[in-house]
Amino acid sequence: IVVKCKGYGHIPDHCHETSYEEIKIVEGTMTCIKTGRTYVKDDVWTIQPKEYHGAHLYNCIAIFTYNPNLPKASERPVNLDASDVIFTD
């Protein structure tokens, strides 16, 4: 999944029961709500199954991969308060 966020965006705190999540930052920044760590271009954030996580995004383009794939789109919670958030599979 490619996520493009113009301006500020927010992904609420959540977890995935059985999937590992890997997020590669292509542009902009993504900050982990839990730890405060900010990821920038070329950083990769790896999240374990059942690990709660959420993020603040700013002018961010990121590639999200899941292993195994998420069974349904409802497991990808997103707050569309961003000025423009686009998801593409």
PDB file of N, CA and C in Angstrom:
ATOM      1  N   ILE A   1       0.860  -1.171   0.000  1.00  0.00           N
ATOM      2  CA  ILE A   1       0.000   0.000   0.000  1.00  0.00           C
ATOM      3  C   ILE A   1       0.902   1.228   0.000  1.00  0.00           C
ATOM      4  N   VAL A   2       0.578   2.190  -0.836  1.00  0.00           N
ATOM      5  CA  VAL A   2       1.289   3.467  -0.841  1.00  0.00           C
ATOM      6  C   VAL A   2       0.376   4.498  -0.202  1.00  0.00           C
ATOM      7  N   VAL A   3       0.886   5.211   0.785  1.00  0.00           N
ATOM      8  CA  VAL A   3       0.132   6.267   1.454  1.00  0.00           C
ATOM      9  C   VAL A   3       0.782   7.595   1.114  1.00  0.00           C
ATOM     10  N   LYS A   4      -0.034   8.541   0.642  1.00  0.00           N
ATOM     11  CA  LYS A   4       0.442   9.891   0.345  1.00  0.00           C
ATOM     12  C   LYS A   4      -0.360  10.855   1.190  1.00  0.00           C
ATOM     13  N   CYS A   5       0.322  11.668   1.976  1.00  0.00           N
ATOM     14  CA  CYS A   5      -0.345  12.612   2.863  1.00  0.00           C
ATOM     15  C   CYS A   5       0.218  14.006   2.622  1.00  0.00           C
ATOM     16  N   LYS A   6      -0.628  14.909   2.132  1.00  0.00           N
ATOM     17  CA  LYS A   6      -0.225  16.305   1.960  1.00  0.00           C
ATOM     18  C   LYS A   6      -0.601  17.046   3.226  1.00  0.00           C
ATOM     19  N   GLY A   7       0.331  17.779   3.804  1.00  0.00           N
ATOM     20  CA  GLY A   7       0.063  18.455   5.071  1.00  0.00           C
ATOM     21  C   GLY A   7       0.185  17.461   6.217  1.00  0.00           C
ATOM     22  N   TYR A   8      -0.623  17.699   7.256  1.00  0.00           N
ATOM     23  CA  TYR A   8      -0.581  16.840   8.438  1.00  0.00           C
ATOM     24  C   TYR A   8      -1.618  15.736   8.342  1.00  0.00           C
ATOM     25  N   GLY A   9      -1.266  14.556   8.838  1.00  0.00           N
ATOM     26  CA  GLY A   9      -2.186  13.436   8.891  1.00  0.00           C
ATOM     27  C   GLY A   9      -1.963  12.652  10.172  1.00  0.00           C
ATOM     28  N   HIS A  10      -2.893  11.763  10.474  1.00  0.00           N
ATOM     29  CA  HIS A  10      -2.838  11.013  11.723  1.00  0.00           C
ATOM     30  C   HIS A  10      -3.353   9.605  11.487  1.00  0.00           C
ATOM     31  N   ILE A  11      -2.602   8.624  11.948  1.00  0.00           N
ATOM     32  CA  ILE A  11      -3.053   7.237  11.959  1.00  0.00           C
ATOM     33  C   ILE A  11      -3.262   6.884  13.425  1.00  0.00           C
ATOM     34  N   PRO A  12      -4.494   6.582  13.827  1.00  0.00           N
ATOM     35  CA  PRO A  12      -4.769   6.324  15.242  1.00  0.00           C
ATOM     36  C   PRO A  12      -4.086   5.053  15.749  1.00  0.00           C
ATOM     37  N   ASP A  13      -3.919   4.993  17.062  1.00  0.00           N
ATOM     38  CA  ASP A  13      -3.301   3.842  17.717  1.00  0.00           C
ATOM     39  C   ASP A  13      -4.138   2.590  17.436  1.00  0.00           C
ATOM     40  N   HIS A  14      -3.449   1.516  17.009  1.00  0.00           N
ATOM     41  CA  HIS A  14      -4.112   0.259  16.669  1.00  0.00           C
ATOM     42  C   HIS A  14      -3.070  -0.849  16.640  1.00  0.00           C
ATOM     43  N   CYS A  15      -3.504  -2.075  16.400  1.00  0.00           N
ATOM     44  CA  CYS A  15      -2.562  -3.181  16.199  1.00  0.00           C
ATOM     45  C   CYS A  15      -3.149  -4.149  15.185  1.00  0.00           C
ATOM     46  N   HIS A  16      -2.295  -5.009  14.669  1.00  0.00           N
ATOM     47  CA  HIS A  16      -2.697  -6.065  13.744  1.00  0.00           C
ATOM     48  C   HIS A  16      -2.440  -7.383  14.451  1.00  0.00           C
ATOM     49  N   GLU A  17      -3.432  -8.229  14.495  1.00  0.00           N
ATOM     50  CA  GLU A  17      -3.352  -9.460  15.277  1.00  0.00           C
ATOM     51  C   GLU A  17      -2.242 -10.403  14.841  1.00  0.00           C
ATOM     52  N   THR A  18      -2.089 -10.623  13.533  1.00  0.00           N
ATOM     53  CA  THR A  18      -1.151 -11.648  13.080  1.00  0.00           C
ATOM     54  C   THR A  18      -0.123 -11.145  12.068  1.00  0.00           C
ATOM     55  N   SER A  19      -0.179  -9.881  11.699  1.00  0.00           N
ATOM     56  CA  SER A  19       0.688  -9.388  10.626  1.00  0.00           C
ATOM     57  C   SER A  19       1.822  -8.518  11.143  1.00  0.00           C
ATOM     58  N   TYR A  20       2.990  -8.738  10.567  1.00  0.00           N
ATOM     59  CA  TYR A  20       4.102  -7.816  10.730  1.00  0.00           C
ATOM     60  C   TYR A  20       3.835  -6.663   9.768  1.00  0.00           C
ATOM     61  N   GLU A  21       4.201  -5.460  10.164  1.00  0.00           N
ATOM     62  CA  GLU A  21       4.036  -4.293   9.288  1.00  0.00           C
ATOM     63  C   GLU A  21       5.391  -3.634   9.103  1.00  0.00           C
ATOM     64  N   GLU A  22       5.690  -3.287   7.865  1.00  0.00           N
ATOM     65  CA  GLU A  22       6.930  -2.580   7.566  1.00  0.00           C
ATOM     66  C   GLU A  22       6.559  -1.320   6.793  1.00  0.00           C
ATOM     67  N   ILE A  23       7.077  -0.190   7.244  1.00  0.00           N
ATOM     68  CA  ILE A  23       6.777   1.087   6.606  1.00  0.00           C
ATOM     69  C   ILE A  23       8.081   1.717   6.155  1.00  0.00           C
ATOM     70  N   LYS A  24       8.201   1.954   4.854  1.00  0.00           N
ATOM     71  CA  LYS A  24       9.379   2.627   4.307  1.00  0.00           C
ATOM     72  C   LYS A  24       8.972   4.055   3.945  1.00  0.00           C
ATOM     73  N   ILE A  25       9.708   5.015   4.476  1.00  0.00           N
ATOM     74  CA  ILE A  25       9.429   6.424   4.220  1.00  0.00           C
ATOM     75  C   ILE A  25      10.110   6.827   2.916  1.00  0.00           C
ATOM     76  N   VAL A  26       9.315   7.334   1.984  1.00  0.00           N
ATOM     77  CA  VAL A  26       9.819   7.762   0.682  1.00  0.00           C
ATOM     78  C   VAL A  26      10.068   9.267   0.686  1.00  0.00           C
ATOM     79  N   GLU A  27       9.214   9.983   1.418  1.00  0.00           N
ATOM     80  CA  GLU A  27       9.308  11.443   1.468  1.00  0.00           C
ATOM     81  C   GLU A  27       8.613  11.938   2.735  1.00  0.00           C
ATOM     82  N   GLY A  28       9.033  13.080   3.251  1.00  0.00           N
ATOM     83  CA  GLY A  28       8.390  13.669   4.417  1.00  0.00           C
ATOM     84  C   GLY A  28       8.777  12.963   5.696  1.00  0.00           C
ATOM     85  N   THR A  29       7.882  13.064   6.709  1.00  0.00           N
ATOM     86  CA  THR A  29       8.169  12.458   8.007  1.00  0.00           C
ATOM     87  C   THR A  29       6.956  11.721   8.555  1.00  0.00           C
ATOM     88  N   MET A  30       7.262  10.728   9.401  1.00  0.00           N
ATOM     89  CA  MET A  30       6.243   9.989  10.139  1.00  0.00           C
ATOM     90  C   MET A  30       6.779   9.814  11.554  1.00  0.00           C
ATOM     91  N   THR A  31       5.984  10.212  12.547  1.00  0.00           N
ATOM     92  CA  THR A  31       6.412  10.139  13.938  1.00  0.00           C
ATOM     93  C   THR A  31       5.545   9.147  14.688  1.00  0.00           C
ATOM     94  N   CYS A  32       6.179   8.184  15.356  1.00  0.00           N
ATOM     95  CA  CYS A  32       5.488   7.192  16.165  1.00  0.00           C
ATOM     96  C   CYS A  32       4.900   7.885  17.395  1.00  0.00           C
ATOM     97  N   ILE A  33       3.590   7.728  17.610  1.00  0.00           N
ATOM     98  CA  ILE A  33       2.938   8.357  18.750  1.00  0.00           C
ATOM     99  C   ILE A  33       3.472   7.792  20.063  1.00  0.00           C
ATOM    100  N   LYS A  34       3.686   6.488  20.130  1.00  0.00           N
ATOM    101  CA  LYS A  34       4.098   5.818  21.368  1.00  0.00           C
ATOM    102  C   LYS A  34       5.514   6.190  21.812  1.00  0.00           C
ATOM    103  N   THR A  35       6.472   6.201  20.872  1.00  0.00           N
ATOM    104  CA  THR A  35       7.873   6.419  21.239  1.00  0.00           C
ATOM    105  C   THR A  35       8.375   7.833  20.957  1.00  0.00           C
ATOM    106  N   GLY A  36       7.675   8.560  20.073  1.00  0.00           N
ATOM    107  CA  GLY A  36       8.131   9.894  19.692  1.00  0.00           C
ATOM    108  C   GLY A  36       9.216   9.880  18.631  1.00  0.00           C
ATOM    109  N   ARG A  37       9.622   8.698  18.176  1.00  0.00           N
ATOM    110  CA  ARG A  37      10.664   8.616  17.148  1.00  0.00           C
ATOM    111  C   ARG A  37      10.112   9.096  15.810  1.00  0.00           C
ATOM    112  N   THR A  38      10.910   9.917  15.131  1.00  0.00           N
ATOM    113  CA  THR A  38      10.523  10.419  13.814  1.00  0.00           C
ATOM    114  C   THR A  38      11.306   9.678  12.747  1.00  0.00           C
ATOM    115  N   TYR A  39      10.584   9.180  11.760  1.00  0.00           N
ATOM    116  CA  TYR A  39      11.171   8.481  10.625  1.00  0.00           C
ATOM    117  C   TYR A  39      11.176   9.431   9.442  1.00  0.00           C
ATOM    118  N   VAL A  40      12.295   9.435   8.713  1.00  0.00           N
ATOM    119  CA  VAL A  40      12.470  10.327   7.562  1.00  0.00           C
ATOM    120  C   VAL A  40      12.816   9.503   6.322  1.00  0.00           C
ATOM    121  N   LYS A  41      13.014  10.188   5.218  1.00  0.00           N
ATOM    122  CA  LYS A  41      13.298   9.531   3.942  1.00  0.00           C
ATOM    123  C   LYS A  41      14.300   8.388   4.092  1.00  0.00           C
ATOM    124  N   ASP A  42      13.954   7.237   3.523  1.00  0.00           N
ATOM    125  CA  ASP A  42      14.743   6.001   3.497  1.00  0.00           C
ATOM    126  C   ASP A  42      14.738   5.220   4.809  1.00  0.00           C
ATOM    127  N   ASP A  43      14.117   5.752   5.878  1.00  0.00           N
ATOM    128  CA  ASP A  43      13.978   4.976   7.117  1.00  0.00           C
ATOM    129  C   ASP A  43      12.931   3.888   6.921  1.00  0.00           C
ATOM    130  N   VAL A  44      13.091   2.786   7.672  1.00  0.00           N
ATOM    131  CA  VAL A  44      12.119   1.699   7.673  1.00  0.00           C
ATOM    132  C   VAL A  44      11.693   1.446   9.113  1.00  0.00           C
ATOM    133  N   TRP A  45      10.401   1.423   9.322  1.00  0.00           N
ATOM    134  CA  TRP A  45       9.818   1.172  10.639  1.00  0.00           C
ATOM    135  C   TRP A  45       9.183  -0.203  10.591  1.00  0.00           C
ATOM    136  N   THR A  46       9.650  -1.123  11.447  1.00  0.00           N
ATOM    137  CA  THR A  46       9.111  -2.480  11.501  1.00  0.00           C
ATOM    138  C   THR A  46       8.285  -2.636  12.770  1.00  0.00           C
ATOM    139  N   ILE A  47       7.061  -3.144  12.606  1.00  0.00           N
ATOM    140  CA  ILE A  47       6.119  -3.273  13.713  1.00  0.00           C
ATOM    141  C   ILE A  47       5.706  -4.739  13.835  1.00  0.00           C
ATOM    142  N   GLN A  48       5.797  -5.255  15.047  1.00  0.00           N
ATOM    143  CA  GLN A  48       5.479  -6.662  15.324  1.00  0.00           C
ATOM    144  C   GLN A  48       3.967  -6.872  15.426  1.00  0.00           C
ATOM    145  N   PRO A  49       3.483  -8.111  15.196  1.00  0.00           N
ATOM    146  CA  PRO A  49       2.069  -8.405  15.424  1.00  0.00           C
ATOM    147  C   PRO A  49       1.693  -8.071  16.873  1.00  0.00           C
ATOM    148  N   LYS A  50       0.480  -7.586  17.067  1.00  0.00           N
ATOM    149  CA  LYS A  50      -0.082  -7.233  18.372  1.00  0.00           C
ATOM    150  C   LYS A  50       0.619  -6.055  19.043  1.00  0.00           C
ATOM    151  N   GLU A  51       1.516  -5.373  18.351  1.00  0.00           N
ATOM    152  CA  GLU A  51       2.199  -4.187  18.891  1.00  0.00           C
ATOM    153  C   GLU A  51       1.360  -2.953  18.535  1.00  0.00           C
ATOM    154  N   TYR A  52       0.859  -2.268  19.558  1.00  0.00           N
ATOM    155  CA  TYR A  52       0.063  -1.070  19.297  1.00  0.00           C
ATOM    156  C   TYR A  52       0.958   0.035  18.752  1.00  0.00           C
ATOM    157  N   HIS A  53       0.444   0.728  17.749  1.00  0.00           N
ATOM    158  CA  HIS A  53       1.201   1.788  17.098  1.00  0.00           C
ATOM    159  C   HIS A  53       0.238   2.767  16.432  1.00  0.00           C
ATOM    160  N   GLY A  54       0.678   3.961  16.280  1.00  0.00           N
ATOM    161  CA  GLY A  54      -0.048   5.015  15.581  1.00  0.00           C
ATOM    162  C   GLY A  54       0.986   6.043  15.167  1.00  0.00           C
ATOM    163  N   ALA A  55       0.604   6.983  14.313  1.00  0.00           N
ATOM    164  CA  ALA A  55       1.609   7.908  13.798  1.00  0.00           C
ATOM    165  C   ALA A  55       1.006   9.250  13.413  1.00  0.00           C
ATOM    166  N   HIS A  56       1.872  10.253  13.454  1.00  0.00           N
ATOM    167  CA  HIS A  56       1.586  11.563  12.883  1.00  0.00           C
ATOM    168  C   HIS A  56       2.412  11.666  11.616  1.00  0.00           C
ATOM    169  N   LEU A  57       1.803  12.128  10.537  1.00  0.00           N
ATOM    170  CA  LEU A  57       2.478  12.245   9.244  1.00  0.00           C
ATOM    171  C   LEU A  57       2.535  13.709   8.835  1.00  0.00           C
ATOM    172  N   TYR A  58       3.590  14.063   8.121  1.00  0.00           N
ATOM    173  CA  TYR A  58       3.680  15.408   7.565  1.00  0.00           C
ATOM    174  C   TYR A  58       4.288  15.322   6.170  1.00  0.00           C
ATOM    175  N   ASN A  59       3.513  15.749   5.178  1.00  0.00           N
ATOM    176  CA  ASN A  59       3.960  15.700   3.780  1.00  0.00           C
ATOM    177  C   ASN A  59       4.651  14.377   3.491  1.00  0.00           C
ATOM    178  N   CYS A  60       3.979  13.307   3.835  1.00  0.00           N
ATOM    179  CA  CYS A  60       4.590  11.980   3.833  1.00  0.00           C
ATOM    180  C   CYS A  60       4.109  11.117   2.670  1.00  0.00           C
ATOM    181  N   ILE A  61       5.056  10.434   2.061  1.00  0.00           N
ATOM    182  CA  ILE A  61       4.759   9.333   1.150  1.00  0.00           C
ATOM    183  C   ILE A  61       5.456   8.120   1.755  1.00  0.00           C
ATOM    184  N   ALA A  62       4.697   7.048   1.958  1.00  0.00           N
ATOM    185  CA  ALA A  62       5.260   5.859   2.592  1.00  0.00           C
ATOM    186  C   ALA A  62       4.688   4.605   1.946  1.00  0.00           C
ATOM    187  N   ILE A  63       5.495   3.547   1.959  1.00  0.00           N
ATOM    188  CA  ILE A  63       5.082   2.249   1.434  1.00  0.00           C
ATOM    189  C   ILE A  63       4.870   1.319   2.624  1.00  0.00           C
ATOM    190  N   PHE A  64       3.642   0.805   2.757  1.00  0.00           N
ATOM    191  CA  PHE A  64       3.279  -0.096   3.839  1.00  0.00           C
ATOM    192  C   PHE A  64       3.198  -1.513   3.278  1.00  0.00           C
ATOM    193  N   THR A  65       3.881  -2.457   3.932  1.00  0.00           N
ATOM    194  CA  THR A  65       3.749  -3.865   3.557  1.00  0.00           C
ATOM    195  C   THR A  65       3.393  -4.670   4.801  1.00  0.00           C
ATOM    196  N   TYR A  66       2.638  -5.736   4.595  1.00  0.00           N
ATOM    197  CA  TYR A  66       2.173  -6.580   5.691  1.00  0.00           C
ATOM    198  C   TYR A  66       2.508  -8.025   5.369  1.00  0.00           C
ATOM    199  N   ASN A  67       2.957  -8.771   6.399  1.00  0.00           N
ATOM    200  CA  ASN A  67       3.273 -10.173   6.219  1.00  0.00           C
ATOM    201  C   ASN A  67       2.743 -10.954   7.412  1.00  0.00           C
ATOM    202  N   PRO A  68       1.746 -11.824   7.242  1.00  0.00           N
ATOM    203  CA  PRO A  68       0.980 -12.008   6.011  1.00  0.00           C
ATOM    204  C   PRO A  68       0.104 -10.795   5.734  1.00  0.00           C
ATOM    205  N   ASN A  69      -0.462 -10.757   4.510  1.00  0.00           N
ATOM    206  CA  ASN A  69      -1.317  -9.643   4.136  1.00  0.00           C
ATOM    207  C   ASN A  69      -2.475  -9.506   5.118  1.00  0.00           C
ATOM    208  N   LEU A  70      -2.937  -8.276   5.319  1.00  0.00           N
ATOM    209  CA  LEU A  70      -4.103  -8.066   6.165  1.00  0.00           C
ATOM    210  C   LEU A  70      -5.331  -8.654   5.478  1.00  0.00           C
ATOM    211  N   PRO A  71      -6.199  -9.289   6.247  1.00  0.00           N
ATOM    212  CA  PRO A  71      -7.350  -9.938   5.627  1.00  0.00           C
ATOM    213  C   PRO A  71      -8.386  -8.963   5.067  1.00  0.00           C
ATOM    214  N   LYS A  72      -8.462  -7.735   5.597  1.00  0.00           N
ATOM    215  CA  LYS A  72      -9.469  -6.791   5.116  1.00  0.00           C
ATOM    216  C   LYS A  72      -9.035  -5.349   5.367  1.00  0.00           C
ATOM    217  N   ALA A  73      -9.593  -4.452   4.604  1.00  0.00           N
ATOM    218  CA  ALA A  73      -9.226  -3.039   4.678  1.00  0.00           C
ATOM    219  C   ALA A  73      -9.542  -2.437   6.039  1.00  0.00           C
ATOM    220  N   SER A  74     -10.496  -2.980   6.771  1.00  0.00           N
ATOM    221  CA  SER A  74     -10.854  -2.416   8.078  1.00  0.00           C
ATOM    222  C   SER A  74      -9.713  -2.516   9.080  1.00  0.00           C
ATOM    223  N   GLU A  75      -8.702  -3.331   8.795  1.00  0.00           N
ATOM    224  CA  GLU A  75      -7.543  -3.429   9.682  1.00  0.00           C
ATOM    225  C   GLU A  75      -6.520  -2.334   9.384  1.00  0.00           C
ATOM    226  N   ARG A  76      -6.858  -1.407   8.513  1.00  0.00           N
ATOM    227  CA  ARG A  76      -5.979  -0.287   8.191  1.00  0.00           C
ATOM    228  C   ARG A  76      -6.649   1.008   8.660  1.00  0.00           C
ATOM    229  N   PRO A  77      -6.722   1.256   9.971  1.00  0.00           N
ATOM    230  CA  PRO A  77      -7.447   2.428  10.447  1.00  0.00           C
ATOM    231  C   PRO A  77      -6.715   3.723  10.101  1.00  0.00           C
ATOM    232  N   VAL A  78      -7.458   4.681   9.594  1.00  0.00           N
ATOM    233  CA  VAL A  78      -6.854   5.960   9.218  1.00  0.00           C
ATOM    234  C   VAL A  78      -7.819   7.083   9.557  1.00  0.00           C
ATOM    235  N   ASN A  79      -7.282   8.133  10.119  1.00  0.00           N
ATOM    236  CA  ASN A  79      -8.044   9.337  10.387  1.00  0.00           C
ATOM    237  C   ASN A  79      -7.835  10.253   9.195  1.00  0.00           C
ATOM    238  N   LEU A  80      -8.893  10.563   8.492  1.00  0.00           N
ATOM    239  CA  LEU A  80      -8.758  11.363   7.287  1.00  0.00           C
ATOM    240  C   LEU A  80      -8.765  12.860   7.580  1.00  0.00           C
ATOM    241  N   ASP A  81      -8.272  13.268   8.764  1.00  0.00           N
ATOM    242  CA  ASP A  81      -8.150  14.680   9.088  1.00  0.00           C
ATOM    243  C   ASP A  81      -7.041  15.342   8.281  1.00  0.00           C
ATOM    244  N   ALA A  82      -6.219  14.546   7.617  1.00  0.00           N
ATOM    245  CA  ALA A  82      -5.165  15.113   6.779  1.00  0.00           C
ATOM    246  C   ALA A  82      -5.817  15.906   5.658  1.00  0.00           C
ATOM    247  N   SER A  83      -5.127  16.903   5.173  1.00  0.00           N
ATOM    248  CA  SER A  83      -5.680  17.705   4.085  1.00  0.00           C
ATOM    249  C   SER A  83      -5.868  16.858   2.829  1.00  0.00           C
ATOM    250  N   ASP A  84      -5.065  15.818   2.669  1.00  0.00           N
ATOM    251  CA  ASP A  84      -5.219  14.929   1.521  1.00  0.00           C
ATOM    252  C   ASP A  84      -4.481  13.627   1.823  1.00  0.00           C
ATOM    253  N   VAL A  85      -5.213  12.552   2.018  1.00  0.00           N
ATOM    254  CA  VAL A  85      -4.596  11.242   2.244  1.00  0.00           C
ATOM    255  C   VAL A  85      -5.070  10.324   1.141  1.00  0.00           C
ATOM    256  N   ILE A  86      -4.149   9.677   0.481  1.00  0.00           N
ATOM    257  CA  ILE A  86      -4.471   8.808  -0.654  1.00  0.00           C
ATOM    258  C   ILE A  86      -3.869   7.432  -0.385  1.00  0.00           C
ATOM    259  N   PHE A  87      -4.680   6.375  -0.505  1.00  0.00           N
ATOM    260  CA  PHE A  87      -4.190   5.008  -0.389  1.00  0.00           C
ATOM    261  C   PHE A  87      -4.263   4.351  -1.749  1.00  0.00           C
ATOM    262  N   THR A  88      -3.211   3.672  -2.132  1.00  0.00           N
ATOM    263  CA  THR A  88      -3.243   2.900  -3.376  1.00  0.00           C
ATOM    264  C   THR A  88      -2.642   1.530  -3.110  1.00  0.00           C
ATOM    265  N   ASP A  89      -3.320   0.481  -3.561  1.00  0.00           N
ATOM    266  CA  ASP A  89      -2.797  -0.893  -3.417  1.00  0.00           C
ATOM    267  C   ASP A  89      -1.941  -1.212  -4.610  1.00  0.00           C
TER     268      ASP A  89
END
